[in-house]
Amino acid sequence: GLTVETARNYSKKIYAKTGARGHAELVRIILTSVLAIS
């Protein structure tokens, strides 16, 4: 399974890649990119 530490490292990488400064901003970036693709 996915440990808490693995999930934490994974989310740190996502924040670094997207430049998001918080959860809400990260969600907005993901939704915006999904809408742009479809």
PDB file of N, CA and C in Angstrom:
ATOM      1  N   GLY A   1       0.825  -1.197   0.000  1.00  0.00           N
ATOM      2  CA  GLY A   1       0.000   0.000   0.000  1.00  0.00           C
ATOM      3  C   GLY A   1       0.862   1.252   0.000  1.00  0.00           C
ATOM      4  N   LEU A   2       0.207   2.370   0.115  1.00  0.00           N
ATOM      5  CA  LEU A   2       0.864   3.674   0.104  1.00  0.00           C
ATOM      6  C   LEU A   2       1.043   4.153   1.538  1.00  0.00           C
ATOM      7  N   THR A   3       2.281   4.352   1.952  1.00  0.00           N
ATOM      8  CA  THR A   3       2.519   4.852   3.307  1.00  0.00           C
ATOM      9  C   THR A   3       2.326   6.363   3.342  1.00  0.00           C
ATOM     10  N   VAL A   4       2.154   6.881   4.539  1.00  0.00           N
ATOM     11  CA  VAL A   4       1.983   8.332   4.705  1.00  0.00           C
ATOM     12  C   VAL A   4       3.202   9.071   4.167  1.00  0.00           C
ATOM     13  N   GLU A   5       4.384   8.531   4.451  1.00  0.00           N
ATOM     14  CA  GLU A   5       5.627   9.164   4.004  1.00  0.00           C
ATOM     15  C   GLU A   5       5.721   9.199   2.480  1.00  0.00           C
ATOM     16  N   THR A   6       5.338   8.098   1.828  1.00  0.00           N
ATOM     17  CA  THR A   6       5.352   8.043   0.364  1.00  0.00           C
ATOM     18  C   THR A   6       4.390   9.077  -0.211  1.00  0.00           C
ATOM     19  N   ALA A   7       3.198   9.142   0.349  1.00  0.00           N
ATOM     20  CA  ALA A   7       2.190  10.103  -0.106  1.00  0.00           C
ATOM     21  C   ALA A   7       2.686  11.532   0.077  1.00  0.00           C
ATOM     22  N   ARG A   8       3.368  11.785   1.193  1.00  0.00           N
ATOM     23  CA  ARG A   8       3.898  13.124   1.475  1.00  0.00           C
ATOM     24  C   ARG A   8       4.966  13.506   0.457  1.00  0.00           C
ATOM     25  N   ASN A   9       5.874  12.580   0.178  1.00  0.00           N
ATOM     26  CA  ASN A   9       6.927  12.841  -0.810  1.00  0.00           C
ATOM     27  C   ASN A   9       6.331  13.069  -2.189  1.00  0.00           C
ATOM     28  N   TYR A  10       5.331  12.263  -2.531  1.00  0.00           N
ATOM     29  CA  TYR A  10       4.660  12.361  -3.824  1.00  0.00           C
ATOM     30  C   TYR A  10       3.998  13.728  -3.983  1.00  0.00           C
ATOM     31  N   SER A  11       3.292  14.159  -2.940  1.00  0.00           N
ATOM     32  CA  SER A  11       2.615  15.453  -3.035  1.00  0.00           C
ATOM     33  C   SER A  11       3.611  16.611  -3.073  1.00  0.00           C
ATOM     34  N   LYS A  12       4.745  16.485  -2.389  1.00  0.00           N
ATOM     35  CA  LYS A  12       5.783  17.527  -2.453  1.00  0.00           C
ATOM     36  C   LYS A  12       6.281  17.689  -3.877  1.00  0.00           C
ATOM     37  N   LYS A  13       6.476  16.567  -4.575  1.00  0.00           N
ATOM     38  CA  LYS A  13       6.940  16.611  -5.966  1.00  0.00           C
ATOM     39  C   LYS A  13       5.901  17.272  -6.862  1.00  0.00           C
ATOM     40  N   ILE A  14       4.631  16.954  -6.636  1.00  0.00           N
ATOM     41  CA  ILE A  14       3.553  17.544  -7.429  1.00  0.00           C
ATOM     42  C   ILE A  14       3.509  19.061  -7.207  1.00  0.00           C
ATOM     43  N   TYR A  15       3.584  19.496  -5.933  1.00  0.00           N
ATOM     44  CA  TYR A  15       3.588  20.935  -5.638  1.00  0.00           C
ATOM     45  C   TYR A  15       4.769  21.625  -6.305  1.00  0.00           C
ATOM     46  N   ALA A  16       5.936  20.992  -6.264  1.00  0.00           N
ATOM     47  CA  ALA A  16       7.127  21.574  -6.878  1.00  0.00           C
ATOM     48  C   ALA A  16       6.970  21.694  -8.391  1.00  0.00           C
ATOM     49  N   LYS A  17       6.408  20.657  -9.015  1.00  0.00           N
ATOM     50  CA  LYS A  17       6.224  20.658 -10.473  1.00  0.00           C
ATOM     51  C   LYS A  17       5.197  21.684 -10.925  1.00  0.00           C
ATOM     52  N   THR A  18       4.074  21.776 -10.207  1.00  0.00           N
ATOM     53  CA  THR A  18       2.995  22.669 -10.624  1.00  0.00           C
ATOM     54  C   THR A  18       3.187  24.097 -10.137  1.00  0.00           C
ATOM     55  N   GLY A  19       3.994  24.279  -9.097  1.00  0.00           N
ATOM     56  CA  GLY A  19       4.177  25.601  -8.522  1.00  0.00           C
ATOM     57  C   GLY A  19       3.023  26.018  -7.629  1.00  0.00           C
ATOM     58  N   ALA A  20       2.171  25.059  -7.273  1.00  0.00           N
ATOM     59  CA  ALA A  20       1.029  25.354  -6.407  1.00  0.00           C
ATOM     60  C   ALA A  20       1.509  25.657  -4.994  1.00  0.00           C
ATOM     61  N   ARG A  21       0.846  26.614  -4.346  1.00  0.00           N
ATOM     62  CA  ARG A  21       1.243  26.991  -2.990  1.00  0.00           C
ATOM     63  C   ARG A  21       0.302  26.423  -1.933  1.00  0.00           C
ATOM     64  N   GLY A  22      -0.741  25.736  -2.348  1.00  0.00           N
ATOM     65  CA  GLY A  22      -1.672  25.152  -1.392  1.00  0.00           C
ATOM     66  C   GLY A  22      -2.590  24.165  -2.075  1.00  0.00           C
ATOM     67  N   HIS A  23      -3.381  23.468  -1.270  1.00  0.00           N
ATOM     68  CA  HIS A  23      -4.262  22.424  -1.804  1.00  0.00           C
ATOM     69  C   HIS A  23      -5.271  22.988  -2.806  1.00  0.00           C
ATOM     70  N   ALA A  24      -5.903  24.097  -2.450  1.00  0.00           N
ATOM     71  CA  ALA A  24      -6.916  24.698  -3.325  1.00  0.00           C
ATOM     72  C   ALA A  24      -6.323  25.095  -4.671  1.00  0.00           C
ATOM     73  N   GLU A  25      -5.131  25.671  -4.636  1.00  0.00           N
ATOM     74  CA  GLU A  25      -4.475  26.074  -5.881  1.00  0.00           C
ATOM     75  C   GLU A  25      -4.103  24.856  -6.718  1.00  0.00           C
ATOM     76  N   LEU A  26      -3.652  23.793  -6.041  1.00  0.00           N
ATOM     77  CA  LEU A  26      -3.298  22.561  -6.745  1.00  0.00           C
ATOM     78  C   LEU A  26      -4.521  21.981  -7.449  1.00  0.00           C
ATOM     79  N   VAL A  27      -5.651  21.944  -6.749  1.00  0.00           N
ATOM     80  CA  VAL A  27      -6.898  21.443  -7.335  1.00  0.00           C
ATOM     81  C   VAL A  27      -7.288  22.287  -8.547  1.00  0.00           C
ATOM     82  N   ARG A  28      -7.166  23.614  -8.412  1.00  0.00           N
ATOM     83  CA  ARG A  28      -7.505  24.518  -9.522  1.00  0.00           C
ATOM     84  C   ARG A  28      -6.622  24.248 -10.737  1.00  0.00           C
ATOM     85  N   ILE A  29      -5.327  24.057 -10.524  1.00  0.00           N
ATOM     86  CA  ILE A  29      -4.392  23.771 -11.616  1.00  0.00           C
ATOM     87  C   ILE A  29      -4.766  22.464 -12.310  1.00  0.00           C
ATOM     88  N   ILE A  30      -5.066  21.433 -11.507  1.00  0.00           N
ATOM     89  CA  ILE A  30      -5.433  20.130 -12.077  1.00  0.00           C
ATOM     90  C   ILE A  30      -6.716  20.248 -12.892  1.00  0.00           C
ATOM     91  N   LEU A  31      -7.742  20.886 -12.330  1.00  0.00           N
ATOM     92  CA  LEU A  31      -9.015  21.028 -13.038  1.00  0.00           C
ATOM     93  C   LEU A  31      -8.850  21.842 -14.315  1.00  0.00           C
ATOM     94  N   THR A  32      -8.068  22.906 -14.258  1.00  0.00           N
ATOM     95  CA  THR A  32      -7.827  23.743 -15.432  1.00  0.00           C
ATOM     96  C   THR A  32      -7.136  22.955 -16.532  1.00  0.00           C
ATOM     97  N   SER A  33      -6.138  22.157 -16.165  1.00  0.00           N
ATOM     98  CA  SER A  33      -5.416  21.382 -17.178  1.00  0.00           C
ATOM     99  C   SER A  33      -6.275  20.259 -17.742  1.00  0.00           C
ATOM    100  N   VAL A  34      -7.129  19.663 -16.912  1.00  0.00           N
ATOM    101  CA  VAL A  34      -8.037  18.611 -17.393  1.00  0.00           C
ATOM    102  C   VAL A  34      -9.031  19.203 -18.390  1.00  0.00           C
ATOM    103  N   LEU A  35      -9.568  20.379 -18.069  1.00  0.00           N
ATOM    104  CA  LEU A  35     -10.515  21.037 -18.969  1.00  0.00           C
ATOM    105  C   LEU A  35      -9.843  21.457 -20.268  1.00  0.00           C
ATOM    106  N   ALA A  36      -8.580  21.848 -20.205  1.00  0.00           N
ATOM    107  CA  ALA A  36      -7.843  22.257 -21.396  1.00  0.00           C
ATOM    108  C   ALA A  36      -7.598  21.068 -22.329  1.00  0.00           C
ATOM    109  N   ILE A  37      -7.428  19.882 -21.750  1.00  0.00           N
ATOM    110  CA  ILE A  37      -7.171  18.673 -22.548  1.00  0.00           C
ATOM    111  C   ILE A  37      -8.436  18.206 -23.263  1.00  0.00           C
ATOM    112  N   SER A  38      -9.568  18.226 -22.548  1.00  0.00           N
ATOM    113  CA  SER A  38     -10.810  17.680 -23.120  1.00  0.00           C
ATOM    114  C   SER A  38     -11.486  18.600 -24.122  1.00  0.00           C
TER     115      SER A  38
END
